[in-house]
Amino acid sequence: LALSVGIQALLWMGTGAIMSYLKIEHVRSEHVISREPS
């Protein structure tokens, strides 16, 4: 049980750390586009 649950726990912790490191503005590409209306 620890083997099967541990795999998911490892994925949750690892992906959580990656998402915490990435800036949401860069994920959404907000730093390279402009939404200023014409």
Full PDB file with SEQRES, HELIX, SHEET, SSBOND, CRYST1, ORIGX, SCALE, CONECT and MASTER records, all heavy atoms in Angstrom:
SEQRES   1 A   38  LEU ALA LEU SER VAL GLY ILE GLN ALA LEU LEU TRP MET          
SEQRES   2 A   38  GLY THR GLY ALA ILE MET SER TYR LEU LYS ILE GLU HIS          
SEQRES   3 A   38  VAL ARG SER GLU HIS VAL ILE SER ARG GLU PRO SER              
HELIX    1 AA1 ALA A    2  TYR A   21  1                                  20    
HELIX    2 AA2 ILE A   24  VAL A   27  1                                   4    
CRYST1    1.000    1.000    1.000  90.00  90.00  90.00 P 1           1          
ORIGX1      1.000000  0.000000  0.000000        0.00000                         
ORIGX2      0.000000  1.000000  0.000000        0.00000                         
ORIGX3      0.000000  0.000000  1.000000        0.00000                         
SCALE1      1.000000  0.000000  0.000000        0.00000                         
SCALE2      0.000000  1.000000  0.000000        0.00000                         
SCALE3      0.000000  0.000000  1.000000        0.00000                         
ATOM      1  N   LEU A   1       0.828  -1.197   0.000  1.00  0.00           N  
ATOM      2  CA  LEU A   1       0.000   0.000   0.000  1.00  0.00           C  
ATOM      3  C   LEU A   1       0.866   1.251   0.000  1.00  0.00           C  
ATOM      4  O   LEU A   1       0.574   2.228  -0.700  1.00  0.00           O  
ATOM      5  CB  LEU A   1      -0.931   0.005   1.215  1.00  0.00           C  
ATOM      6  CG  LEU A   1      -1.968   1.130   1.280  1.00  0.00           C  
ATOM      7  CD1 LEU A   1      -2.902   1.057   0.079  1.00  0.00           C  
ATOM      8  CD2 LEU A   1      -2.767   1.058   2.569  1.00  0.00           C  
ATOM      9  N   ALA A   2       1.946   1.224   0.783  1.00  0.00           N  
ATOM     10  CA  ALA A   2       2.861   2.368   0.810  1.00  0.00           C  
ATOM     11  C   ALA A   2       3.510   2.583  -0.553  1.00  0.00           C  
ATOM     12  O   ALA A   2       3.767   3.721  -0.958  1.00  0.00           O  
ATOM     13  CB  ALA A   2       3.932   2.155   1.878  1.00  0.00           C  
ATOM     14  N   LEU A   3       3.746   1.474  -1.273  1.00  0.00           N  
ATOM     15  CA  LEU A   3       4.354   1.596  -2.599  1.00  0.00           C  
ATOM     16  C   LEU A   3       3.407   2.296  -3.568  1.00  0.00           C  
ATOM     17  O   LEU A   3       3.799   3.221  -4.287  1.00  0.00           O  
ATOM     18  CB  LEU A   3       4.719   0.207  -3.129  1.00  0.00           C  
ATOM     19  CG  LEU A   3       5.357   0.175  -4.532  1.00  0.00           C  
ATOM     20  CD1 LEU A   3       6.668   0.945  -4.532  1.00  0.00           C  
ATOM     21  CD2 LEU A   3       5.576  -1.261  -4.978  1.00  0.00           C  
ATOM     22  N   SER A   4       2.125   1.875  -3.588  1.00  0.00           N  
ATOM     23  CA  SER A   4       1.170   2.463  -4.528  1.00  0.00           C  
ATOM     24  C   SER A   4       0.807   3.897  -4.145  1.00  0.00           C  
ATOM     25  O   SER A   4       0.759   4.792  -4.987  1.00  0.00           O  
ATOM     26  CB  SER A   4      -0.096   1.600  -4.594  1.00  0.00           C  
ATOM     27  OG  SER A   4      -0.679   1.487  -3.302  1.00  0.00           O  
ATOM     28  N   VAL A   5       0.553   4.131  -2.853  1.00  0.00           N  
ATOM     29  CA  VAL A   5       0.213   5.479  -2.401  1.00  0.00           C  
ATOM     30  C   VAL A   5       1.423   6.396  -2.471  1.00  0.00           C  
ATOM     31  O   VAL A   5       1.311   7.587  -2.778  1.00  0.00           O  
ATOM     32  CB  VAL A   5      -0.365   5.438  -0.975  1.00  0.00           C  
ATOM     33  CG1 VAL A   5      -0.610   6.847  -0.445  1.00  0.00           C  
ATOM     34  CG2 VAL A   5      -1.668   4.639  -0.943  1.00  0.00           C  
ATOM     35  N   GLY A   6       2.593   5.846  -2.202  1.00  0.00           N  
ATOM     36  CA  GLY A   6       3.810   6.658  -2.203  1.00  0.00           C  
ATOM     37  C   GLY A   6       4.129   7.236  -3.560  1.00  0.00           C  
ATOM     38  O   GLY A   6       4.669   8.335  -3.668  1.00  0.00           O  
ATOM     39  N   ILE A   7       3.789   6.476  -4.634  1.00  0.00           N  
ATOM     40  CA  ILE A   7       4.036   6.997  -5.984  1.00  0.00           C  
ATOM     41  C   ILE A   7       3.229   8.269  -6.214  1.00  0.00           C  
ATOM     42  O   ILE A   7       3.746   9.276  -6.719  1.00  0.00           O  
ATOM     43  CB  ILE A   7       3.689   5.926  -7.041  1.00  0.00           C  
ATOM     44  CG1 ILE A   7       4.676   4.750  -6.948  1.00  0.00           C  
ATOM     45  CG2 ILE A   7       3.708   6.523  -8.444  1.00  0.00           C  
ATOM     46  CD1 ILE A   7       4.331   3.600  -7.855  1.00  0.00           C  
ATOM     47  N   GLN A   8       1.950   8.236  -5.826  1.00  0.00           N  
ATOM     48  CA  GLN A   8       1.105   9.422  -5.996  1.00  0.00           C  
ATOM     49  C   GLN A   8       1.569  10.561  -5.101  1.00  0.00           C  
ATOM     50  O   GLN A   8       1.540  11.734  -5.495  1.00  0.00           O  
ATOM     51  CB  GLN A   8      -0.354   9.078  -5.702  1.00  0.00           C  
ATOM     52  CG  GLN A   8      -1.317  10.234  -5.907  1.00  0.00           C  
ATOM     53  CD  GLN A   8      -1.254  10.788  -7.312  1.00  0.00           C  
ATOM     54  OE1 GLN A   8      -1.177  10.037  -8.291  1.00  0.00           O  
ATOM     55  NE2 GLN A   8      -1.264  12.111  -7.437  1.00  0.00           N  
ATOM     56  N   ALA A   9       2.001  10.222  -3.869  1.00  0.00           N  
ATOM     57  CA  ALA A   9       2.507  11.259  -2.966  1.00  0.00           C  
ATOM     58  C   ALA A   9       3.757  11.913  -3.547  1.00  0.00           C  
ATOM     59  O   ALA A   9       3.937  13.136  -3.456  1.00  0.00           O  
ATOM     60  CB  ALA A   9       2.812  10.659  -1.596  1.00  0.00           C  
ATOM     61  N   LEU A  10       4.615  11.116  -4.172  1.00  0.00           N  
ATOM     62  CA  LEU A  10       5.816  11.657  -4.800  1.00  0.00           C  
ATOM     63  C   LEU A  10       5.447  12.578  -5.950  1.00  0.00           C  
ATOM     64  O   LEU A  10       6.018  13.672  -6.096  1.00  0.00           O  
ATOM     65  CB  LEU A  10       6.699  10.507  -5.295  1.00  0.00           C  
ATOM     66  CG  LEU A  10       7.960  10.915  -6.074  1.00  0.00           C  
ATOM     67  CD1 LEU A  10       8.882  11.736  -5.190  1.00  0.00           C  
ATOM     68  CD2 LEU A  10       8.684   9.674  -6.589  1.00  0.00           C  
ATOM     69  N   LEU A  11       4.463  12.166  -6.775  1.00  0.00           N  
ATOM     70  CA  LEU A  11       4.027  13.017  -7.875  1.00  0.00           C  
ATOM     71  C   LEU A  11       3.412  14.309  -7.358  1.00  0.00           C  
ATOM     72  O   LEU A  11       3.650  15.385  -7.908  1.00  0.00           O  
ATOM     73  CB  LEU A  11       3.016  12.259  -8.745  1.00  0.00           C  
ATOM     74  CG  LEU A  11       3.560  11.086  -9.565  1.00  0.00           C  
ATOM     75  CD1 LEU A  11       2.430  10.351 -10.252  1.00  0.00           C  
ATOM     76  CD2 LEU A  11       4.580  11.564 -10.583  1.00  0.00           C  
ATOM     77  N   TRP A  12       2.606  14.206  -6.285  1.00  0.00           N  
ATOM     78  CA  TRP A  12       1.961  15.402  -5.737  1.00  0.00           C  
ATOM     79  C   TRP A  12       2.987  16.386  -5.191  1.00  0.00           C  
ATOM     80  O   TRP A  12       2.925  17.582  -5.456  1.00  0.00           O  
ATOM     81  CB  TRP A  12       0.981  15.001  -4.636  1.00  0.00           C  
ATOM     82  CG  TRP A  12       0.189  16.169  -4.121  1.00  0.00           C  
ATOM     83  CD1 TRP A  12      -0.907  16.721  -4.690  1.00  0.00           C  
ATOM     84  CD2 TRP A  12       0.459  16.925  -2.944  1.00  0.00           C  
ATOM     85  NE1 TRP A  12      -1.354  17.782  -3.947  1.00  0.00           N  
ATOM     86  CE2 TRP A  12      -0.540  17.937  -2.865  1.00  0.00           C  
ATOM     87  CE3 TRP A  12       1.426  16.849  -1.934  1.00  0.00           C  
ATOM     88  CZ2 TRP A  12      -0.572  18.853  -1.827  1.00  0.00           C  
ATOM     89  CZ3 TRP A  12       1.398  17.771  -0.900  1.00  0.00           C  
ATOM     90  CH2 TRP A  12       0.401  18.759  -0.857  1.00  0.00           C  
ATOM     91  N   MET A  13       3.938  15.871  -4.430  1.00  0.00           N  
ATOM     92  CA  MET A  13       4.960  16.752  -3.854  1.00  0.00           C  
ATOM     93  C   MET A  13       5.855  17.345  -4.937  1.00  0.00           C  
ATOM     94  O   MET A  13       6.157  18.542  -4.934  1.00  0.00           O  
ATOM     95  CB  MET A  13       5.803  15.970  -2.846  1.00  0.00           C  
ATOM     96  CG  MET A  13       5.059  15.534  -1.612  1.00  0.00           C  
ATOM     97  SD  MET A  13       4.575  16.938  -0.587  1.00  0.00           S  
ATOM     98  CE  MET A  13       3.799  16.071   0.781  1.00  0.00           C  
ATOM     99  N   GLY A  14       6.285  16.495  -5.875  1.00  0.00           N  
ATOM    100  CA  GLY A  14       7.184  16.979  -6.918  1.00  0.00           C  
ATOM    101  C   GLY A  14       6.535  18.010  -7.814  1.00  0.00           C  
ATOM    102  O   GLY A  14       7.106  19.072  -8.092  1.00  0.00           O  
ATOM    103  N   THR A  15       5.310  17.716  -8.294  1.00  0.00           N  
ATOM    104  CA  THR A  15       4.620  18.671  -9.158  1.00  0.00           C  
ATOM    105  C   THR A  15       4.241  19.931  -8.394  1.00  0.00           C  
ATOM    106  O   THR A  15       4.238  21.032  -8.962  1.00  0.00           O  
ATOM    107  CB  THR A  15       3.365  18.035  -9.766  1.00  0.00           C  
ATOM    108  OG1 THR A  15       2.546  17.501  -8.698  1.00  0.00           O  
ATOM    109  CG2 THR A  15       3.738  16.904 -10.711  1.00  0.00           C  
ATOM    110  N   GLY A  16       3.917  19.782  -7.104  1.00  0.00           N  
ATOM    111  CA  GLY A  16       3.609  20.960  -6.292  1.00  0.00           C  
ATOM    112  C   GLY A  16       4.805  21.881  -6.175  1.00  0.00           C  
ATOM    113  O   GLY A  16       4.671  23.110  -6.247  1.00  0.00           O  
ATOM    114  N   ALA A  17       5.990  21.294  -5.988  1.00  0.00           N  
ATOM    115  CA  ALA A  17       7.201  22.107  -5.896  1.00  0.00           C  
ATOM    116  C   ALA A  17       7.481  22.809  -7.221  1.00  0.00           C  
ATOM    117  O   ALA A  17       7.882  23.974  -7.252  1.00  0.00           O  
ATOM    118  CB  ALA A  17       8.385  21.230  -5.496  1.00  0.00           C  
ATOM    119  N   ILE A  18       7.250  22.106  -8.348  1.00  0.00           N  
ATOM    120  CA  ILE A  18       7.485  22.716  -9.660  1.00  0.00           C  
ATOM    121  C   ILE A  18       6.517  23.874  -9.891  1.00  0.00           C  
ATOM    122  O   ILE A  18       6.912  24.960 -10.339  1.00  0.00           O  
ATOM    123  CB  ILE A  18       7.339  21.661 -10.766  1.00  0.00           C  
ATOM    124  CG1 ILE A  18       8.465  20.626 -10.663  1.00  0.00           C  
ATOM    125  CG2 ILE A  18       7.358  22.320 -12.145  1.00  0.00           C  
ATOM    126  CD1 ILE A  18       8.316  19.458 -11.612  1.00  0.00           C  
ATOM    127  N   MET A  19       5.226  23.668  -9.579  1.00  0.00           N  
ATOM    128  CA  MET A  19       4.238  24.729  -9.780  1.00  0.00           C  
ATOM    129  C   MET A  19       4.501  25.916  -8.865  1.00  0.00           C  
ATOM    130  O   MET A  19       4.223  27.064  -9.229  1.00  0.00           O  
ATOM    131  CB  MET A  19       2.833  24.181  -9.558  1.00  0.00           C  
ATOM    132  CG  MET A  19       2.369  23.233 -10.644  1.00  0.00           C  
ATOM    133  SD  MET A  19       0.607  22.784 -10.490  1.00  0.00           S  
ATOM    134  CE  MET A  19       0.637  21.854  -8.947  1.00  0.00           C  
ATOM    135  N   SER A  20       5.043  25.658  -7.665  1.00  0.00           N  
ATOM    136  CA  SER A  20       5.360  26.756  -6.753  1.00  0.00           C  
ATOM    137  C   SER A  20       6.538  27.573  -7.270  1.00  0.00           C  
ATOM    138  O   SER A  20       6.635  28.773  -7.017  1.00  0.00           O  
ATOM    139  CB  SER A  20       5.683  26.211  -5.361  1.00  0.00           C  
ATOM    140  OG  SER A  20       4.576  25.529  -4.828  1.00  0.00           O  
ATOM    141  N   TYR A  21       7.436  26.922  -8.009  1.00  0.00           N  
ATOM    142  CA  TYR A  21       8.608  27.618  -8.523  1.00  0.00           C  
ATOM    143  C   TYR A  21       8.266  28.460  -9.748  1.00  0.00           C  
ATOM    144  O   TYR A  21       8.781  29.571  -9.907  1.00  0.00           O  
ATOM    145  CB  TYR A  21       9.692  26.601  -8.883  1.00  0.00           C  
ATOM    146  CG  TYR A  21      10.919  27.221  -9.505  1.00  0.00           C  
ATOM    147  CD1 TYR A  21      11.840  27.930  -8.727  1.00  0.00           C  
ATOM    148  CD2 TYR A  21      11.135  27.118 -10.871  1.00  0.00           C  
ATOM    149  CE1 TYR A  21      12.953  28.506  -9.302  1.00  0.00           C  
ATOM    150  CE2 TYR A  21      12.247  27.688 -11.458  1.00  0.00           C  
ATOM    151  CZ  TYR A  21      13.148  28.384 -10.664  1.00  0.00           C  
ATOM    152  OH  TYR A  21      14.246  28.954 -11.242  1.00  0.00           O  
ATOM    153  N   LEU A  22       7.385  27.952 -10.607  1.00  0.00           N  
ATOM    154  CA  LEU A  22       7.040  28.673 -11.832  1.00  0.00           C  
ATOM    155  C   LEU A  22       6.131  29.858 -11.520  1.00  0.00           C  
ATOM    156  O   LEU A  22       5.213  29.749 -10.724  1.00  0.00           O  
ATOM    157  CB  LEU A  22       6.344  27.736 -12.817  1.00  0.00           C  
ATOM    158  CG  LEU A  22       7.158  26.547 -13.320  1.00  0.00           C  
ATOM    159  CD1 LEU A  22       6.287  25.644 -14.179  1.00  0.00           C  
ATOM    160  CD2 LEU A  22       8.373  27.012 -14.107  1.00  0.00           C  
ATOM    161  N   LYS A  23       6.389  30.973 -12.169  1.00  0.00           N  
ATOM    162  CA  LYS A  23       5.558  32.163 -12.008  1.00  0.00           C  
ATOM    163  C   LYS A  23       4.346  32.040 -12.927  1.00  0.00           C  
ATOM    164  O   LYS A  23       4.486  31.751 -14.119  1.00  0.00           O  
ATOM    165  CB  LYS A  23       6.344  33.433 -12.323  1.00  0.00           C  
ATOM    166  CG  LYS A  23       7.460  33.720 -11.324  1.00  0.00           C  
ATOM    167  CD  LYS A  23       8.123  35.042 -11.631  1.00  0.00           C  
ATOM    168  CE  LYS A  23       9.229  35.351 -10.628  1.00  0.00           C  
ATOM    169  NZ  LYS A  23       8.717  35.466  -9.260  1.00  0.00           N  
ATOM    170  N   ILE A  24       3.158  32.293 -12.358  1.00  0.00           N  
ATOM    171  CA  ILE A  24       1.929  32.118 -13.119  1.00  0.00           C  
ATOM    172  C   ILE A  24       1.871  33.068 -14.311  1.00  0.00           C  
ATOM    173  O   ILE A  24       1.273  32.749 -15.350  1.00  0.00           O  
ATOM    174  CB  ILE A  24       0.694  32.322 -12.195  1.00  0.00           C  
ATOM    175  CG1 ILE A  24      -0.586  31.842 -12.885  1.00  0.00           C  
ATOM    176  CG2 ILE A  24       0.589  33.766 -11.752  1.00  0.00           C  
ATOM    177  CD1 ILE A  24      -0.600  30.378 -13.201  1.00  0.00           C  
ATOM    178  N   GLU A  25       2.525  34.246 -14.214  1.00  0.00           N  
ATOM    179  CA  GLU A  25       2.544  35.183 -15.338  1.00  0.00           C  
ATOM    180  C   GLU A  25       3.281  34.584 -16.527  1.00  0.00           C  
ATOM    181  O   GLU A  25       2.893  34.778 -17.684  1.00  0.00           O  
ATOM    182  CB  GLU A  25       3.197  36.509 -14.921  1.00  0.00           C  
ATOM    183  CG  GLU A  25       2.417  37.301 -13.893  1.00  0.00           C  
ATOM    184  CD  GLU A  25       2.657  36.810 -12.484  1.00  0.00           C  
ATOM    185  OE1 GLU A  25       3.512  35.906 -12.306  1.00  0.00           O  
ATOM    186  OE2 GLU A  25       1.991  37.304 -11.553  1.00  0.00           O  
ATOM    187  N   HIS A  26       4.368  33.832 -16.244  1.00  0.00           N  
ATOM    188  CA  HIS A  26       5.123  33.201 -17.325  1.00  0.00           C  
ATOM    189  C   HIS A  26       4.361  31.999 -17.864  1.00  0.00           C  
ATOM    190  O   HIS A  26       4.420  31.712 -19.064  1.00  0.00           O  
ATOM    191  CB  HIS A  26       6.504  32.781 -16.824  1.00  0.00           C  
ATOM    192  CG  HIS A  26       7.445  33.925 -16.656  1.00  0.00           C  
ATOM    193  ND1 HIS A  26       8.566  34.096 -17.437  1.00  0.00           N  
ATOM    194  CD2 HIS A  26       7.433  34.989 -15.810  1.00  0.00           C  
ATOM    195  CE1 HIS A  26       9.208  35.198 -17.067  1.00  0.00           C  
ATOM    196  NE2 HIS A  26       8.527  35.757 -16.082  1.00  0.00           N  
ATOM    197  N   VAL A  27       3.675  31.280 -17.007  1.00  0.00           N  
ATOM    198  CA  VAL A  27       2.885  30.136 -17.459  1.00  0.00           C  
ATOM    199  C   VAL A  27       1.806  30.589 -18.441  1.00  0.00           C  
ATOM    200  O   VAL A  27       1.538  29.943 -19.456  1.00  0.00           O  
ATOM    201  CB  VAL A  27       2.251  29.411 -16.259  1.00  0.00           C  
ATOM    202  CG1 VAL A  27       1.307  28.308 -16.723  1.00  0.00           C  
ATOM    203  CG2 VAL A  27       3.331  28.816 -15.361  1.00  0.00           C  
ATOM    204  N   ARG A  28       1.169  31.722 -18.135  1.00  0.00           N  
ATOM    205  CA  ARG A  28       0.100  32.256 -18.999  1.00  0.00           C  
ATOM    206  C   ARG A  28       0.635  33.141 -20.111  1.00  0.00           C  
ATOM    207  O   ARG A  28      -0.144  33.696 -20.879  1.00  0.00           O  
ATOM    208  CB  ARG A  28      -0.885  33.059 -18.150  1.00  0.00           C  
ATOM    209  CG  ARG A  28      -1.630  32.223 -17.119  1.00  0.00           C  
ATOM    210  CD  ARG A  28      -2.483  33.105 -16.228  1.00  0.00           C  
ATOM    211  NE  ARG A  28      -3.266  32.318 -15.282  1.00  0.00           N  
ATOM    212  CZ  ARG A  28      -3.984  32.844 -14.299  1.00  0.00           C  
ATOM    213  NH1 ARG A  28      -4.036  34.170 -14.145  1.00  0.00           N  
ATOM    214  NH2 ARG A  28      -4.658  32.065 -13.484  1.00  0.00           N  
ATOM    215  N   SER A  29       1.969  33.296 -20.188  1.00  0.00           N  
ATOM    216  CA  SER A  29       2.628  34.147 -21.185  1.00  0.00           C  
ATOM    217  C   SER A  29       2.184  35.595 -21.095  1.00  0.00           C  
ATOM    218  O   SER A  29       2.193  36.335 -22.090  1.00  0.00           O  
ATOM    219  CB  SER A  29       2.367  33.604 -22.604  1.00  0.00           C  
ATOM    220  OG  SER A  29       2.904  32.308 -22.747  1.00  0.00           O  
ATOM    221  N   GLU A  30       1.794  36.040 -19.893  1.00  0.00           N  
ATOM    222  CA  GLU A  30       1.364  37.418 -19.712  1.00  0.00           C  
ATOM    223  C   GLU A  30       2.520  38.406 -19.863  1.00  0.00           C  
ATOM    224  O   GLU A  30       2.289  39.600 -20.071  1.00  0.00           O  
ATOM    225  CB  GLU A  30       0.728  37.589 -18.321  1.00  0.00           C  
ATOM    226  CG  GLU A  30      -0.545  36.783 -18.102  1.00  0.00           C  
ATOM    227  CD  GLU A  30      -1.714  37.345 -18.875  1.00  0.00           C  
ATOM    228  OE1 GLU A  30      -1.598  38.468 -19.372  1.00  0.00           O  
ATOM    229  OE2 GLU A  30      -2.748  36.645 -18.988  1.00  0.00           O  
ATOM    230  N   HIS A  31       3.756  37.912 -19.755  1.00  0.00           N  
ATOM    231  CA  HIS A  31       4.918  38.811 -19.822  1.00  0.00           C  
ATOM    232  C   HIS A  31       5.308  39.159 -21.255  1.00  0.00           C  
ATOM    233  O   HIS A  31       6.165  40.021 -21.474  1.00  0.00           O  
ATOM    234  CB  HIS A  31       6.117  38.168 -19.110  1.00  0.00           C  
ATOM    235  CG  HIS A  31       6.575  36.887 -19.730  1.00  0.00           C  
ATOM    236  ND1 HIS A  31       5.769  35.779 -19.825  1.00  0.00           N  
ATOM    237  CD2 HIS A  31       7.761  36.549 -20.307  1.00  0.00           C  
ATOM    238  CE1 HIS A  31       6.435  34.800 -20.413  1.00  0.00           C  
ATOM    239  NE2 HIS A  31       7.631  35.240 -20.716  1.00  0.00           N  
ATOM    240  N   VAL A  32       4.691  38.504 -22.236  1.00  0.00           N  
ATOM    241  CA  VAL A  32       5.068  38.777 -23.624  1.00  0.00           C  
ATOM    242  C   VAL A  32       3.885  39.246 -24.467  1.00  0.00           C  
ATOM    243  O   VAL A  32       4.023  39.397 -25.684  1.00  0.00           O  
ATOM    244  CB  VAL A  32       5.697  37.522 -24.276  1.00  0.00           C  
ATOM    245  CG1 VAL A  32       7.023  37.190 -23.622  1.00  0.00           C  
ATOM    246  CG2 VAL A  32       4.744  36.338 -24.204  1.00  0.00           C  
ATOM    247  N   ILE A  33       2.730  39.458 -23.852  1.00  0.00           N  
ATOM    248  CA  ILE A  33       1.572  39.934 -24.606  1.00  0.00           C  
ATOM    249  C   ILE A  33       0.983  41.156 -23.914  1.00  0.00           C  
ATOM    250  O   ILE A  33       1.242  41.409 -22.737  1.00  0.00           O  
ATOM    251  CB  ILE A  33       0.479  38.850 -24.747  1.00  0.00           C  
ATOM    252  CG1 ILE A  33      -0.056  38.452 -23.359  1.00  0.00           C  
ATOM    253  CG2 ILE A  33       1.003  37.637 -25.479  1.00  0.00           C  
ATOM    254  CD1 ILE A  33      -1.243  37.517 -23.422  1.00  0.00           C  
ATOM    255  N   SER A  34       0.186  41.898 -24.644  1.00  0.00           N  
ATOM    256  CA  SER A  34      -0.483  43.073 -24.107  1.00  0.00           C  
ATOM    257  C   SER A  34      -1.981  42.958 -24.370  1.00  0.00           C  
ATOM    258  O   SER A  34      -2.398  42.588 -25.484  1.00  0.00           O  
ATOM    259  CB  SER A  34       0.058  44.348 -24.744  1.00  0.00           C  
ATOM    260  OG  SER A  34      -0.695  45.477 -24.343  1.00  0.00           O  
ATOM    261  N   ARG A  35      -2.775  43.252 -23.363  1.00  0.00           N  
ATOM    262  CA  ARG A  35      -4.228  43.229 -23.493  1.00  0.00           C  
ATOM    263  C   ARG A  35      -4.809  44.645 -23.554  1.00  0.00           C  
ATOM    264  O   ARG A  35      -5.988  44.843 -23.340  1.00  0.00           O  
ATOM    265  CB  ARG A  35      -4.855  42.456 -22.333  1.00  0.00           C  
ATOM    266  CG  ARG A  35      -4.412  41.004 -22.270  1.00  0.00           C  
ATOM    267  CD  ARG A  35      -5.114  40.253 -21.160  1.00  0.00           C  
ATOM    268  NE  ARG A  35      -4.626  38.896 -21.032  1.00  0.00           N  
ATOM    269  CZ  ARG A  35      -5.069  37.859 -21.749  1.00  0.00           C  
ATOM    270  NH1 ARG A  35      -6.020  38.051 -22.643  1.00  0.00           N  
ATOM    271  NH2 ARG A  35      -4.575  36.648 -21.567  1.00  0.00           N  
ATOM    272  N   GLU A  36      -3.966  45.622 -23.833  1.00  0.00           N  
ATOM    273  CA  GLU A  36      -4.421  47.003 -23.919  1.00  0.00           C  
ATOM    274  C   GLU A  36      -5.356  47.154 -25.112  1.00  0.00           C  
ATOM    275  O   GLU A  36      -4.988  46.851 -26.267  1.00  0.00           O  
ATOM    276  CB  GLU A  36      -3.224  47.938 -24.074  1.00  0.00           C  
ATOM    277  CG  GLU A  36      -3.570  49.409 -23.939  1.00  0.00           C  
ATOM    278  CD  GLU A  36      -3.934  49.798 -22.522  1.00  0.00           C  
ATOM    279  OE1 GLU A  36      -3.518  49.080 -21.585  1.00  0.00           O  
ATOM    280  OE2 GLU A  36      -4.619  50.816 -22.354  1.00  0.00           O  
ATOM    281  N   PRO A  37      -6.598  47.600 -24.894  1.00  0.00           N  
ATOM    282  CA  PRO A  37      -7.539  47.722 -26.016  1.00  0.00           C  
ATOM    283  C   PRO A  37      -7.147  48.860 -26.951  1.00  0.00           C  
ATOM    284  O   PRO A  37      -6.560  49.870 -26.542  1.00  0.00           O  
ATOM    285  CB  PRO A  37      -8.866  48.010 -25.317  1.00  0.00           C  
ATOM    286  CG  PRO A  37      -8.493  48.640 -24.007  1.00  0.00           C  
ATOM    287  CD  PRO A  37      -7.200  47.983 -23.610  1.00  0.00           C  
ATOM    288  N   SER A  38      -7.468  48.678 -28.233  1.00  0.00           N  
ATOM    289  CA  SER A  38      -7.176  49.707 -29.225  1.00  0.00           C  
ATOM    290  C   SER A  38      -8.277  50.763 -29.211  1.00  0.00           C  
ATOM    291  O   SER A  38      -9.465  50.435 -29.095  1.00  0.00           O  
ATOM    292  CB  SER A  38      -7.084  49.081 -30.629  1.00  0.00           C  
ATOM    293  OG  SER A  38      -6.067  48.101 -30.673  1.00  0.00           O  
TER     294      SER A  38                                                      
MASTER        0    0    0    2    0    0    0    6  293    1    0    3          
END                                                                             
